[in-house]
Amino acid sequence: MKSKTPLLLAVVVLFAGSAFSAITFTPYTNHNQWLAATNGWTHYPFLSLPINESKNPGTSVISDAGLFGPPKGVFVGSYDHVWTDRVTVADGEVTTWWITNTDMQAFGGYWDFSPAGYGQGVTLSIALLSKGSAHVFDICGSPGCGIPGQTYYVPDGTWFGVVGSGPFDSMSITADHQSGVAETFDLAGLDLARTPEPGTLALLGTGLLALAGTVRTKLRL
């Protein structure tokens, strides 16, 4: 699915707290630009068989209300199953995703806030184990809900993703404080990504050098 808003938001978040002071986060509203920023990384996207989305076996999730089920908004007709969820400020529901047994450095997906009408919006946070969590961005689907530098309007069915300058352990979704009593949303194509291990990069470099040597040998023939 193509993003309807091909804009890379030129915003970088720098945390003041010592635990996060070295990590900046850049938001993307275009999937291709997010993929370009994470080119060569290891990705763990939702599985689609072909339009029944399910959790990638390399990821884990804990959720108070979310599960995979039929979409109720703009994804109807494009998917038979997506991640469906509902969060509220009053009850504090949380959905947390992470890459199993390792860290991550980017995440993103296609968001739809229309299934039950526009509500409170959602807050995206990241966590570093033993160092706490930090608010990253707020997103919402109601036209006009965006506040520059604070809350980002994400039209229904479009991409919103985040790339960090350093690794973190998980990302969480909670309710924001827009008007309403809840935020019911569907999420398709969620992708968690991380930079390759140094050993993987070394092997890649060795392979490229070997390939270059083979090409030079052939050119001499």
N, C-alpha and C. Protein backbone atom coordinates (compact mmCIF):
# COMPACT_ATOMS: atom_id res chain seq x y z
N MET A 1 0.84 -1.18 0.00
CA MET A 1 0.00 0.00 0.00
C MET A 1 0.88 1.23 0.00
N LYS A 2 0.57 2.21 -0.86
CA LYS A 2 1.39 3.40 -0.97
C LYS A 2 0.94 4.46 0.00
N SER A 3 1.89 5.20 0.52
CA SER A 3 1.57 6.29 1.42
C SER A 3 0.93 7.42 0.66
N LYS A 4 -0.05 8.07 1.26
CA LYS A 4 -0.71 9.20 0.63
C LYS A 4 -0.02 10.51 0.95
N THR A 5 0.95 10.50 1.83
CA THR A 5 1.64 11.72 2.21
C THR A 5 3.14 11.51 2.11
N PRO A 6 3.71 11.72 0.91
CA PRO A 6 5.12 11.41 0.68
C PRO A 6 6.06 12.46 1.23
N LEU A 7 5.85 12.86 2.48
CA LEU A 7 6.66 13.89 3.08
C LEU A 7 7.51 13.31 4.19
N LEU A 8 8.80 13.58 4.13
CA LEU A 8 9.70 13.24 5.24
C LEU A 8 9.69 14.41 6.20
N LEU A 9 9.17 14.20 7.39
CA LEU A 9 9.11 15.27 8.36
C LEU A 9 10.51 15.59 8.86
N ALA A 10 10.93 16.80 8.67
CA ALA A 10 12.28 17.20 9.06
C ALA A 10 12.31 17.56 10.53
N VAL A 11 12.03 16.59 11.36
CA VAL A 11 11.99 16.79 12.81
C VAL A 11 12.84 15.72 13.46
N VAL A 12 13.66 16.11 14.37
CA VAL A 12 14.46 15.17 15.13
C VAL A 12 14.21 15.41 16.61
N VAL A 13 13.93 14.35 17.34
CA VAL A 13 13.67 14.46 18.77
C VAL A 13 14.94 14.10 19.52
N LEU A 14 15.39 14.96 20.41
CA LEU A 14 16.56 14.71 21.25
C LEU A 14 16.11 14.69 22.70
N PHE A 15 16.30 13.56 23.36
CA PHE A 15 15.87 13.44 24.73
C PHE A 15 16.86 14.13 25.65
N ALA A 16 16.32 14.82 26.65
CA ALA A 16 17.17 15.54 27.59
C ALA A 16 17.71 14.63 28.68
N GLY A 17 16.97 13.57 29.00
CA GLY A 17 17.39 12.67 30.06
C GLY A 17 18.68 11.95 29.72
N SER A 18 19.48 11.65 30.72
CA SER A 18 20.78 11.05 30.47
C SER A 18 20.67 9.69 29.82
N ALA A 19 19.59 8.94 30.10
CA ALA A 19 19.46 7.60 29.54
C ALA A 19 19.26 7.63 28.04
N PHE A 20 18.69 8.73 27.53
CA PHE A 20 18.36 8.79 26.11
C PHE A 20 19.07 9.93 25.39
N SER A 21 19.99 10.60 26.06
CA SER A 21 20.56 11.82 25.52
C SER A 21 21.31 11.59 24.21
N ALA A 22 21.75 10.36 23.97
CA ALA A 22 22.53 10.09 22.76
C ALA A 22 21.68 9.60 21.61
N ILE A 23 20.36 9.46 21.81
CA ILE A 23 19.49 8.92 20.76
C ILE A 23 18.56 9.99 20.23
N THR A 24 18.54 10.16 18.93
CA THR A 24 17.59 11.04 18.27
C THR A 24 16.63 10.18 17.45
N PHE A 25 15.42 10.70 17.23
CA PHE A 25 14.40 9.97 16.49
C PHE A 25 13.82 10.84 15.39
N THR A 26 13.79 10.30 14.20
CA THR A 26 13.26 11.01 13.04
C THR A 26 12.01 10.31 12.53
N PRO A 27 10.90 11.04 12.36
CA PRO A 27 9.67 10.43 11.86
C PRO A 27 9.60 10.46 10.33
N TYR A 28 8.95 9.46 9.76
CA TYR A 28 8.78 9.37 8.31
C TYR A 28 7.30 9.12 8.00
N THR A 29 6.78 9.85 7.02
CA THR A 29 5.41 9.62 6.56
C THR A 29 5.39 8.97 5.18
N ASN A 30 6.52 8.50 4.73
CA ASN A 30 6.62 7.82 3.45
C ASN A 30 7.37 6.50 3.64
N HIS A 31 6.74 5.40 3.24
CA HIS A 31 7.33 4.09 3.48
C HIS A 31 8.65 3.92 2.73
N ASN A 32 8.71 4.37 1.48
CA ASN A 32 9.93 4.19 0.70
C ASN A 32 11.11 4.95 1.31
N GLN A 33 10.84 6.13 1.85
CA GLN A 33 11.92 6.89 2.49
C GLN A 33 12.35 6.21 3.79
N TRP A 34 11.39 5.65 4.52
CA TRP A 34 11.73 4.91 5.73
C TRP A 34 12.58 3.69 5.38
N LEU A 35 12.22 2.98 4.30
CA LEU A 35 13.00 1.82 3.86
C LEU A 35 14.40 2.24 3.43
N ALA A 36 14.51 3.39 2.77
CA ALA A 36 15.83 3.87 2.36
C ALA A 36 16.69 4.18 3.58
N ALA A 37 16.06 4.73 4.63
CA ALA A 37 16.81 5.05 5.85
C ALA A 37 17.24 3.81 6.60
N THR A 38 16.56 2.69 6.37
CA THR A 38 16.90 1.43 7.04
C THR A 38 17.44 0.40 6.05
N ASN A 39 17.94 0.87 4.93
CA ASN A 39 18.48 -0.03 3.91
C ASN A 39 19.65 -0.85 4.47
N GLY A 40 19.61 -2.15 4.25
CA GLY A 40 20.65 -3.03 4.74
C GLY A 40 20.44 -3.52 6.16
N TRP A 41 19.39 -3.03 6.82
CA TRP A 41 19.08 -3.48 8.17
C TRP A 41 18.30 -4.79 8.12
N THR A 42 18.15 -5.42 9.26
CA THR A 42 17.33 -6.63 9.37
C THR A 42 15.91 -6.21 9.73
N HIS A 43 14.94 -6.67 8.92
CA HIS A 43 13.55 -6.25 9.09
C HIS A 43 12.69 -7.42 9.56
N TYR A 44 11.69 -7.09 10.37
CA TYR A 44 10.76 -8.09 10.90
C TYR A 44 9.32 -7.60 10.68
N PRO A 45 8.83 -7.63 9.44
CA PRO A 45 7.50 -7.12 9.15
C PRO A 45 6.40 -8.13 9.48
N PHE A 46 5.16 -7.62 9.61
CA PHE A 46 4.01 -8.52 9.68
C PHE A 46 4.07 -9.49 8.51
N LEU A 47 3.60 -10.70 8.72
CA LEU A 47 3.48 -11.67 7.63
C LEU A 47 2.11 -11.52 6.99
N SER A 48 2.03 -11.59 5.67
CA SER A 48 0.77 -11.49 4.95
C SER A 48 0.62 -12.70 4.04
N LEU A 49 -0.42 -13.51 4.25
CA LEU A 49 -0.60 -14.77 3.52
C LEU A 49 -2.00 -14.88 2.92
N PRO A 50 -2.31 -14.31 1.76
CA PRO A 50 -1.58 -13.15 1.22
C PRO A 50 -2.03 -11.85 1.84
N ILE A 51 -3.29 -11.84 2.36
CA ILE A 51 -3.81 -10.61 2.95
C ILE A 51 -4.29 -10.82 4.38
N ASN A 52 -3.95 -11.97 4.96
CA ASN A 52 -4.21 -12.22 6.37
C ASN A 52 -2.93 -11.92 7.14
N GLU A 53 -2.86 -10.77 7.75
CA GLU A 53 -1.64 -10.38 8.44
C GLU A 53 -1.51 -11.12 9.77
N SER A 54 -0.27 -11.42 10.13
CA SER A 54 0.01 -12.10 11.39
C SER A 54 1.37 -11.65 11.90
N LYS A 55 1.64 -11.98 13.14
CA LYS A 55 2.87 -11.56 13.79
C LYS A 55 4.07 -12.25 13.17
N ASN A 56 5.13 -11.48 12.95
CA ASN A 56 6.39 -12.07 12.52
C ASN A 56 6.92 -12.96 13.64
N PRO A 57 7.35 -14.19 13.35
CA PRO A 57 7.83 -15.08 14.42
C PRO A 57 9.06 -14.56 15.14
N GLY A 58 9.74 -13.58 14.57
CA GLY A 58 10.91 -13.01 15.24
C GLY A 58 10.57 -11.86 16.17
N THR A 59 9.28 -11.57 16.33
CA THR A 59 8.86 -10.47 17.20
C THR A 59 7.98 -10.97 18.32
N SER A 60 7.80 -10.12 19.33
CA SER A 60 6.93 -10.43 20.46
C SER A 60 6.01 -9.24 20.73
N VAL A 61 4.87 -9.53 21.35
CA VAL A 61 3.93 -8.46 21.68
C VAL A 61 3.20 -8.80 22.97
N ILE A 62 2.95 -7.78 23.77
CA ILE A 62 2.07 -7.87 24.93
C ILE A 62 1.04 -6.75 24.76
N SER A 63 -0.25 -7.10 24.85
CA SER A 63 -1.28 -6.10 24.63
C SER A 63 -2.46 -6.33 25.57
N ASP A 64 -3.03 -5.23 26.07
CA ASP A 64 -4.22 -5.31 26.91
C ASP A 64 -5.48 -5.54 26.09
N ALA A 65 -5.51 -5.05 24.85
CA ALA A 65 -6.76 -5.11 24.07
C ALA A 65 -6.55 -5.50 22.62
N GLY A 66 -5.33 -5.50 22.13
CA GLY A 66 -5.09 -5.72 20.71
C GLY A 66 -5.02 -7.19 20.32
N LEU A 67 -5.37 -7.45 19.06
CA LEU A 67 -5.29 -8.79 18.49
C LEU A 67 -5.44 -8.68 16.99
N PHE A 68 -5.12 -9.75 16.27
CA PHE A 68 -5.33 -9.77 14.83
C PHE A 68 -6.78 -10.14 14.55
N GLY A 69 -7.42 -9.36 13.66
CA GLY A 69 -8.81 -9.60 13.32
C GLY A 69 -9.20 -8.83 12.08
N PRO A 70 -10.45 -8.94 11.66
CA PRO A 70 -10.92 -8.25 10.45
C PRO A 70 -10.84 -6.73 10.62
N PRO A 71 -10.39 -6.03 9.61
CA PRO A 71 -10.36 -4.56 9.69
C PRO A 71 -11.77 -3.99 9.64
N LYS A 72 -11.91 -2.78 10.16
CA LYS A 72 -13.21 -2.13 10.19
C LYS A 72 -13.21 -0.76 9.53
N GLY A 73 -12.08 -0.38 8.96
CA GLY A 73 -11.98 0.94 8.35
C GLY A 73 -11.49 0.87 6.91
N VAL A 74 -10.49 1.66 6.59
CA VAL A 74 -10.03 1.79 5.20
C VAL A 74 -9.31 0.55 4.70
N PHE A 75 -8.91 -0.34 5.59
CA PHE A 75 -8.21 -1.55 5.14
C PHE A 75 -9.16 -2.65 4.66
N VAL A 76 -10.46 -2.45 4.84
CA VAL A 76 -11.44 -3.42 4.34
C VAL A 76 -11.29 -3.54 2.82
N GLY A 77 -11.16 -4.76 2.34
CA GLY A 77 -10.95 -4.99 0.92
C GLY A 77 -9.50 -5.15 0.54
N SER A 78 -8.60 -4.59 1.36
CA SER A 78 -7.16 -4.75 1.13
C SER A 78 -6.58 -5.87 1.97
N TYR A 79 -7.14 -6.07 3.17
CA TYR A 79 -6.69 -7.12 4.08
C TYR A 79 -7.89 -7.83 4.66
N ASP A 80 -7.73 -9.12 4.95
CA ASP A 80 -8.74 -9.86 5.70
C ASP A 80 -8.50 -9.77 7.20
N HIS A 81 -7.20 -9.65 7.59
CA HIS A 81 -6.85 -9.52 8.99
C HIS A 81 -5.73 -8.50 9.14
N VAL A 82 -5.86 -7.64 10.14
CA VAL A 82 -4.82 -6.69 10.51
C VAL A 82 -4.74 -6.68 12.04
N TRP A 83 -3.83 -5.89 12.58
CA TRP A 83 -3.80 -5.71 14.02
C TRP A 83 -4.89 -4.70 14.39
N THR A 84 -5.80 -5.09 15.27
CA THR A 84 -6.88 -4.21 15.72
C THR A 84 -6.67 -3.92 17.21
N ASP A 85 -6.92 -2.68 17.62
CA ASP A 85 -6.57 -2.31 18.99
C ASP A 85 -7.46 -1.17 19.47
N ARG A 86 -7.49 -1.01 20.79
CA ARG A 86 -8.23 0.09 21.41
C ARG A 86 -7.51 0.49 22.69
N VAL A 87 -7.21 1.78 22.81
CA VAL A 87 -6.52 2.29 24.00
C VAL A 87 -7.29 3.49 24.54
N THR A 88 -7.20 3.67 25.85
CA THR A 88 -7.86 4.80 26.50
C THR A 88 -6.94 5.43 27.53
N VAL A 89 -7.14 6.71 27.77
CA VAL A 89 -6.41 7.39 28.83
C VAL A 89 -6.90 6.88 30.18
N ALA A 90 -8.22 6.70 30.31
CA ALA A 90 -8.81 6.34 31.59
C ALA A 90 -8.30 5.00 32.12
N ASP A 91 -8.22 4.00 31.26
CA ASP A 91 -7.84 2.66 31.71
C ASP A 91 -6.38 2.33 31.44
N GLY A 92 -5.70 3.16 30.68
CA GLY A 92 -4.26 2.99 30.51
C GLY A 92 -3.82 1.76 29.75
N GLU A 93 -4.61 1.31 28.77
CA GLU A 93 -4.21 0.13 27.98
C GLU A 93 -2.89 0.41 27.24
N VAL A 94 -2.09 -0.63 27.13
CA VAL A 94 -0.78 -0.53 26.48
C VAL A 94 -0.59 -1.72 25.54
N THR A 95 -0.02 -1.45 24.39
CA THR A 95 0.46 -2.51 23.50
C THR A 95 1.94 -2.29 23.26
N THR A 96 2.75 -3.31 23.53
CA THR A 96 4.20 -3.19 23.40
C THR A 96 4.72 -4.25 22.43
N TRP A 97 5.49 -3.80 21.45
CA TRP A 97 6.12 -4.68 20.46
C TRP A 97 7.64 -4.62 20.62
N TRP A 98 8.30 -5.75 20.38
CA TRP A 98 9.76 -5.77 20.36
C TRP A 98 10.25 -6.93 19.51
N ILE A 99 11.52 -6.86 19.12
CA ILE A 99 12.16 -7.96 18.42
C ILE A 99 12.68 -8.93 19.48
N THR A 100 12.28 -10.17 19.38
CA THR A 100 12.56 -11.15 20.43
C THR A 100 14.07 -11.33 20.65
N ASN A 101 14.48 -11.19 21.89
CA ASN A 101 15.86 -11.46 22.33
C ASN A 101 16.91 -10.54 21.75
N THR A 102 16.50 -9.39 21.24
CA THR A 102 17.50 -8.44 20.76
C THR A 102 16.90 -7.05 20.75
N ASP A 103 17.69 -6.06 20.35
CA ASP A 103 17.20 -4.69 20.34
C ASP A 103 16.62 -4.32 18.98
N MET A 104 16.16 -3.09 18.85
CA MET A 104 15.62 -2.58 17.60
C MET A 104 16.02 -1.12 17.46
N GLN A 105 15.82 -0.59 16.26
CA GLN A 105 16.23 0.80 16.05
C GLN A 105 15.25 1.56 15.18
N ALA A 106 14.21 0.88 14.68
CA ALA A 106 13.22 1.55 13.84
C ALA A 106 11.92 0.76 13.86
N PHE A 107 10.82 1.46 13.62
CA PHE A 107 9.53 0.79 13.50
C PHE A 107 8.60 1.68 12.68
N GLY A 108 7.58 1.07 12.12
CA GLY A 108 6.60 1.85 11.35
C GLY A 108 5.51 0.95 10.82
N GLY A 109 4.43 1.55 10.38
CA GLY A 109 3.32 0.79 9.82
C GLY A 109 2.31 1.72 9.19
N TYR A 110 1.26 1.10 8.63
CA TYR A 110 0.15 1.84 8.05
C TYR A 110 -0.97 1.91 9.09
N TRP A 111 -1.39 3.13 9.41
CA TRP A 111 -2.31 3.37 10.53
C TRP A 111 -3.68 3.78 10.01
N ASP A 112 -4.72 3.31 10.68
CA ASP A 112 -6.09 3.71 10.36
C ASP A 112 -6.81 4.01 11.67
N PHE A 113 -7.22 5.27 11.84
CA PHE A 113 -7.89 5.70 13.06
C PHE A 113 -9.41 5.79 12.89
N SER A 114 -9.93 5.31 11.75
CA SER A 114 -11.34 5.50 11.45
C SER A 114 -12.29 4.42 11.97
N PRO A 115 -11.85 3.23 12.41
CA PRO A 115 -12.79 2.16 12.72
C PRO A 115 -13.92 2.52 13.67
N ALA A 116 -13.69 3.38 14.66
CA ALA A 116 -14.75 3.75 15.59
C ALA A 116 -14.91 5.26 15.67
N GLY A 117 -14.45 5.96 14.65
CA GLY A 117 -14.46 7.42 14.70
C GLY A 117 -13.22 7.93 15.40
N TYR A 118 -12.84 9.15 15.10
CA TYR A 118 -11.60 9.70 15.65
C TYR A 118 -11.75 9.98 17.14
N GLY A 119 -10.68 9.64 17.87
CA GLY A 119 -10.74 9.79 19.31
C GLY A 119 -9.51 10.45 19.88
N GLN A 120 -8.90 9.78 20.84
CA GLN A 120 -7.83 10.38 21.63
C GLN A 120 -6.47 10.39 20.93
N GLY A 121 -6.34 9.70 19.80
CA GLY A 121 -5.03 9.57 19.18
C GLY A 121 -4.16 8.61 19.98
N VAL A 122 -2.93 8.39 19.51
CA VAL A 122 -2.05 7.48 20.23
C VAL A 122 -0.69 8.12 20.47
N THR A 123 -0.06 7.67 21.53
CA THR A 123 1.30 8.07 21.87
C THR A 123 2.23 6.90 21.60
N LEU A 124 3.33 7.16 20.93
CA LEU A 124 4.36 6.16 20.65
C LEU A 124 5.54 6.42 21.57
N SER A 125 5.93 5.40 22.33
CA SER A 125 7.04 5.53 23.26
C SER A 125 8.04 4.41 23.02
N ILE A 126 9.28 4.63 23.44
CA ILE A 126 10.30 3.58 23.36
C ILE A 126 10.85 3.34 24.75
N ALA A 127 11.45 2.16 24.94
CA ALA A 127 11.99 1.81 26.25
C ALA A 127 13.40 1.26 26.11
N LEU A 128 14.21 1.58 27.10
CA LEU A 128 15.53 0.97 27.28
C LEU A 128 15.48 0.24 28.61
N LEU A 129 15.72 -1.06 28.59
CA LEU A 129 15.64 -1.85 29.81
C LEU A 129 16.59 -1.28 30.86
N SER A 130 16.10 -1.19 32.08
CA SER A 130 16.83 -0.68 33.25
C SER A 130 17.03 0.84 33.20
N LYS A 131 16.54 1.49 32.13
CA LYS A 131 16.71 2.93 32.03
C LYS A 131 15.38 3.66 31.85
N GLY A 132 14.28 2.92 31.78
CA GLY A 132 12.98 3.56 31.68
C GLY A 132 12.52 3.74 30.25
N SER A 133 11.44 4.50 30.10
CA SER A 133 10.84 4.73 28.79
C SER A 133 10.79 6.22 28.50
N ALA A 134 10.57 6.54 27.23
CA ALA A 134 10.53 7.94 26.81
C ALA A 134 9.50 8.11 25.71
N HIS A 135 8.75 9.19 25.80
CA HIS A 135 7.77 9.56 24.80
C HIS A 135 8.49 9.97 23.52
N VAL A 136 8.04 9.43 22.38
CA VAL A 136 8.68 9.77 21.10
C VAL A 136 7.79 10.70 20.29
N PHE A 137 6.62 10.22 19.85
CA PHE A 137 5.71 11.03 19.06
C PHE A 137 4.26 10.71 19.40
N ASP A 138 3.37 11.68 19.15
CA ASP A 138 1.93 11.48 19.20
C ASP A 138 1.41 11.55 17.77
N ILE A 139 0.48 10.63 17.42
CA ILE A 139 -0.11 10.65 16.08
C ILE A 139 -1.63 10.52 16.22
N CYS A 140 -2.36 11.06 15.24
CA CYS A 140 -3.81 11.05 15.28
C CYS A 140 -4.34 11.09 13.85
N GLY A 141 -5.61 10.70 13.68
CA GLY A 141 -6.18 10.60 12.34
C GLY A 141 -7.19 11.65 11.99
N SER A 142 -7.57 12.48 12.93
CA SER A 142 -8.58 13.51 12.67
C SER A 142 -7.95 14.71 11.97
N PRO A 143 -8.47 15.11 10.80
CA PRO A 143 -7.91 16.29 10.13
C PRO A 143 -7.90 17.50 11.06
N GLY A 144 -6.76 18.15 11.11
CA GLY A 144 -6.64 19.30 11.98
C GLY A 144 -6.16 18.99 13.38
N CYS A 145 -5.92 17.70 13.66
CA CYS A 145 -5.49 17.34 15.02
C CYS A 145 -4.01 17.59 15.25
N GLY A 146 -3.25 17.76 14.19
CA GLY A 146 -1.81 17.89 14.34
C GLY A 146 -1.40 19.20 14.99
N ILE A 147 -0.38 19.12 15.81
CA ILE A 147 0.24 20.29 16.43
C ILE A 147 1.71 20.25 16.06
N PRO A 148 2.21 21.20 15.26
CA PRO A 148 3.60 21.15 14.81
C PRO A 148 4.58 20.89 15.94
N GLY A 149 5.42 19.86 15.72
CA GLY A 149 6.43 19.52 16.70
C GLY A 149 5.92 18.68 17.86
N GLN A 150 4.59 18.42 17.91
CA GLN A 150 4.05 17.66 19.03
C GLN A 150 3.23 16.46 18.56
N THR A 151 2.17 16.73 17.81
CA THR A 151 1.26 15.68 17.35
C THR A 151 1.20 15.71 15.83
N TYR A 152 1.28 14.53 15.21
CA TYR A 152 1.33 14.46 13.76
C TYR A 152 0.05 13.84 13.21
N TYR A 153 -0.55 14.54 12.29
CA TYR A 153 -1.74 14.05 11.60
C TYR A 153 -1.33 12.98 10.60
N VAL A 154 -1.89 11.78 10.77
CA VAL A 154 -1.58 10.65 9.89
C VAL A 154 -2.89 10.23 9.21
N PRO A 155 -3.10 10.61 7.96
CA PRO A 155 -4.35 10.25 7.28
C PRO A 155 -4.57 8.74 7.28
N ASP A 156 -5.82 8.33 7.36
CA ASP A 156 -6.14 6.92 7.47
C ASP A 156 -5.55 6.12 6.32
N GLY A 157 -4.89 5.01 6.68
CA GLY A 157 -4.30 4.12 5.68
C GLY A 157 -2.92 4.52 5.22
N THR A 158 -2.32 5.52 5.84
CA THR A 158 -0.99 5.97 5.41
C THR A 158 0.07 5.56 6.41
N TRP A 159 1.31 5.73 5.97
CA TRP A 159 2.47 5.26 6.72
C TRP A 159 2.92 6.29 7.75
N PHE A 160 3.32 5.80 8.91
CA PHE A 160 4.08 6.61 9.87
C PHE A 160 5.09 5.68 10.52
N GLY A 161 6.36 6.08 10.44
CA GLY A 161 7.42 5.28 11.01
C GLY A 161 8.49 6.15 11.65
N VAL A 162 9.34 5.52 12.44
CA VAL A 162 10.36 6.22 13.21
C VAL A 162 11.69 5.49 13.05
N VAL A 163 12.76 6.24 12.91
CA VAL A 163 14.11 5.68 12.88
C VAL A 163 14.94 6.35 13.97
N GLY A 164 15.57 5.55 14.81
CA GLY A 164 16.41 6.09 15.87
C GLY A 164 17.87 6.09 15.48
N SER A 165 18.63 6.97 16.10
CA SER A 165 20.07 7.01 15.83
C SER A 165 20.83 5.98 16.64
N GLY A 166 20.13 5.31 17.56
CA GLY A 166 20.72 4.26 18.38
C GLY A 166 19.68 3.23 18.73
N PRO A 167 20.10 2.10 19.28
CA PRO A 167 19.16 1.01 19.57
C PRO A 167 18.35 1.25 20.84
N PHE A 168 17.18 0.62 20.88
CA PHE A 168 16.33 0.62 22.06
C PHE A 168 15.67 -0.76 22.14
N ASP A 169 14.91 -1.01 23.19
CA ASP A 169 14.43 -2.37 23.43
C ASP A 169 13.02 -2.65 22.93
N SER A 170 12.14 -1.66 22.93
CA SER A 170 10.76 -1.91 22.55
C SER A 170 10.07 -0.61 22.19
N MET A 171 8.89 -0.73 21.57
CA MET A 171 8.03 0.42 21.32
C MET A 171 6.65 0.11 21.87
N SER A 172 6.02 1.13 22.44
CA SER A 172 4.71 0.96 23.05
C SER A 172 3.71 1.95 22.48
N ILE A 173 2.45 1.54 22.46
CA ILE A 173 1.34 2.35 21.97
C ILE A 173 0.36 2.55 23.12
N THR A 174 0.08 3.80 23.45
CA THR A 174 -0.90 4.13 24.47
C THR A 174 -1.79 5.25 23.93
N ALA A 175 -2.83 5.60 24.68
CA ALA A 175 -3.72 6.68 24.26
C ALA A 175 -3.06 8.03 24.48
N ASP A 176 -3.35 8.95 23.56
CA ASP A 176 -2.92 10.34 23.69
C ASP A 176 -4.03 11.10 24.42
N HIS A 177 -4.01 12.42 24.36
CA HIS A 177 -4.97 13.22 25.11
C HIS A 177 -5.80 14.10 24.19
N GLN A 178 -6.08 13.61 22.97
CA GLN A 178 -7.03 14.32 22.13
C GLN A 178 -8.43 14.16 22.74
N SER A 179 -9.41 14.87 22.19
CA SER A 179 -10.78 14.76 22.69
C SER A 179 -11.32 13.37 22.39
N GLY A 180 -12.28 12.91 23.20
CA GLY A 180 -12.85 11.58 23.03
C GLY A 180 -12.59 10.72 24.24
N VAL A 181 -13.13 9.50 24.19
CA VAL A 181 -12.99 8.60 25.33
C VAL A 181 -12.05 7.44 25.05
N ALA A 182 -11.64 7.27 23.80
CA ALA A 182 -10.78 6.15 23.43
C ALA A 182 -10.19 6.41 22.05
N GLU A 183 -9.26 5.55 21.65
CA GLU A 183 -8.79 5.52 20.26
C GLU A 183 -8.81 4.07 19.80
N THR A 184 -9.68 3.79 18.85
CA THR A 184 -9.75 2.47 18.23
C THR A 184 -9.06 2.57 16.88
N PHE A 185 -8.08 1.71 16.63
CA PHE A 185 -7.31 1.84 15.41
C PHE A 185 -6.95 0.47 14.86
N ASP A 186 -6.70 0.44 13.56
CA ASP A 186 -6.16 -0.73 12.88
C ASP A 186 -4.74 -0.41 12.44
N LEU A 187 -3.89 -1.42 12.43
CA LEU A 187 -2.49 -1.26 12.05
C LEU A 187 -2.10 -2.37 11.09
N ALA A 188 -1.62 -1.99 9.92
CA ALA A 188 -1.21 -2.96 8.90
C ALA A 188 0.26 -2.74 8.56
N GLY A 189 0.92 -3.83 8.19
CA GLY A 189 2.29 -3.72 7.70
C GLY A 189 3.30 -3.27 8.73
N LEU A 190 3.04 -3.50 10.02
CA LEU A 190 4.01 -3.10 11.04
C LEU A 190 5.35 -3.78 10.76
N ASP A 191 6.41 -2.98 10.79
CA ASP A 191 7.75 -3.49 10.52
C ASP A 191 8.68 -2.98 11.62
N LEU A 192 9.37 -3.89 12.28
CA LEU A 192 10.40 -3.55 13.25
C LEU A 192 11.75 -3.85 12.60
N ALA A 193 12.72 -2.97 12.80
CA ALA A 193 14.01 -3.15 12.12
C ALA A 193 15.15 -2.83 13.07
N ARG A 194 16.29 -3.44 12.78
CA ARG A 194 17.50 -3.20 13.57
C ARG A 194 18.71 -3.25 12.65
N THR A 195 19.79 -2.61 13.08
CA THR A 195 21.01 -2.65 12.31
C THR A 195 21.64 -4.03 12.43
N PRO A 196 22.35 -4.48 11.38
CA PRO A 196 22.98 -5.81 11.44
C PRO A 196 24.04 -5.87 12.52
N GLU A 197 24.30 -7.08 13.00
CA GLU A 197 25.40 -7.28 13.94
C GLU A 197 26.72 -6.94 13.26
N PRO A 198 27.73 -6.44 14.00
CA PRO A 198 29.03 -6.12 13.40
C PRO A 198 29.62 -7.29 12.62
N GLY A 199 29.42 -8.51 13.10
CA GLY A 199 29.93 -9.67 12.39
C GLY A 199 29.29 -9.84 11.03
N THR A 200 27.98 -9.53 10.97
CA THR A 200 27.27 -9.62 9.69
C THR A 200 27.81 -8.61 8.71
N LEU A 201 28.08 -7.38 9.21
CA LEU A 201 28.64 -6.35 8.35
C LEU A 201 30.02 -6.75 7.86
N ALA A 202 30.82 -7.39 8.72
CA ALA A 202 32.15 -7.82 8.32
C ALA A 202 32.07 -8.88 7.24
N LEU A 203 31.14 -9.82 7.40
CA LEU A 203 30.96 -10.85 6.38
C LEU A 203 30.51 -10.25 5.07
N LEU A 204 29.62 -9.25 5.15
CA LEU A 204 29.16 -8.59 3.94
C LEU A 204 30.31 -7.90 3.25
N GLY A 205 31.16 -7.21 4.04
CA GLY A 205 32.30 -6.54 3.44
C GLY A 205 33.27 -7.51 2.80
N THR A 206 33.49 -8.66 3.46
CA THR A 206 34.37 -9.68 2.89
C THR A 206 33.81 -10.21 1.59
N GLY A 207 32.49 -10.42 1.56
CA GLY A 207 31.86 -10.91 0.34
C GLY A 207 31.98 -9.92 -0.80
N LEU A 208 31.82 -8.63 -0.49
CA LEU A 208 31.93 -7.61 -1.53
C LEU A 208 33.35 -7.53 -2.06
N LEU A 209 34.35 -7.66 -1.15
CA LEU A 209 35.73 -7.64 -1.60
C LEU A 209 36.03 -8.84 -2.49
N ALA A 210 35.52 -10.00 -2.12
CA ALA A 210 35.73 -11.19 -2.94
C ALA A 210 35.09 -11.04 -4.30
N LEU A 211 33.88 -10.45 -4.31
CA LEU A 211 33.20 -10.22 -5.58
C LEU A 211 33.99 -9.26 -6.45
N ALA A 212 34.53 -8.19 -5.82
CA ALA A 212 35.32 -7.23 -6.57
C ALA A 212 36.56 -7.90 -7.17
N GLY A 213 37.20 -8.79 -6.38
CA GLY A 213 38.37 -9.50 -6.90
C GLY A 213 38.02 -10.39 -8.07
N THR A 214 36.87 -11.04 -8.00
CA THR A 214 36.42 -11.90 -9.11
C THR A 214 36.19 -11.09 -10.36
N VAL A 215 35.58 -9.91 -10.19
CA VAL A 215 35.30 -9.05 -11.34
C VAL A 215 36.60 -8.59 -11.97
N ARG A 216 37.59 -8.18 -11.13
CA ARG A 216 38.87 -7.74 -11.67
C ARG A 216 39.56 -8.87 -12.43
N THR A 217 39.48 -10.10 -11.88
CA THR A 217 40.11 -11.25 -12.56
C THR A 217 39.47 -11.49 -13.92
N LYS A 218 38.16 -11.40 -13.98
CA LYS A 218 37.48 -11.62 -15.25
C LYS A 218 37.82 -10.54 -16.26
N LEU A 219 37.99 -9.30 -15.75
CA LEU A 219 38.32 -8.22 -16.66
C LEU A 219 39.70 -8.39 -17.27
N ARG A 220 40.61 -9.08 -16.56
CA ARG A 220 41.94 -9.28 -17.10
C ARG A 220 41.98 -10.36 -18.18
N LEU A 221 40.96 -11.24 -18.17
CA LEU A 221 40.96 -12.35 -19.14
C LEU A 221 40.66 -11.85 -20.55
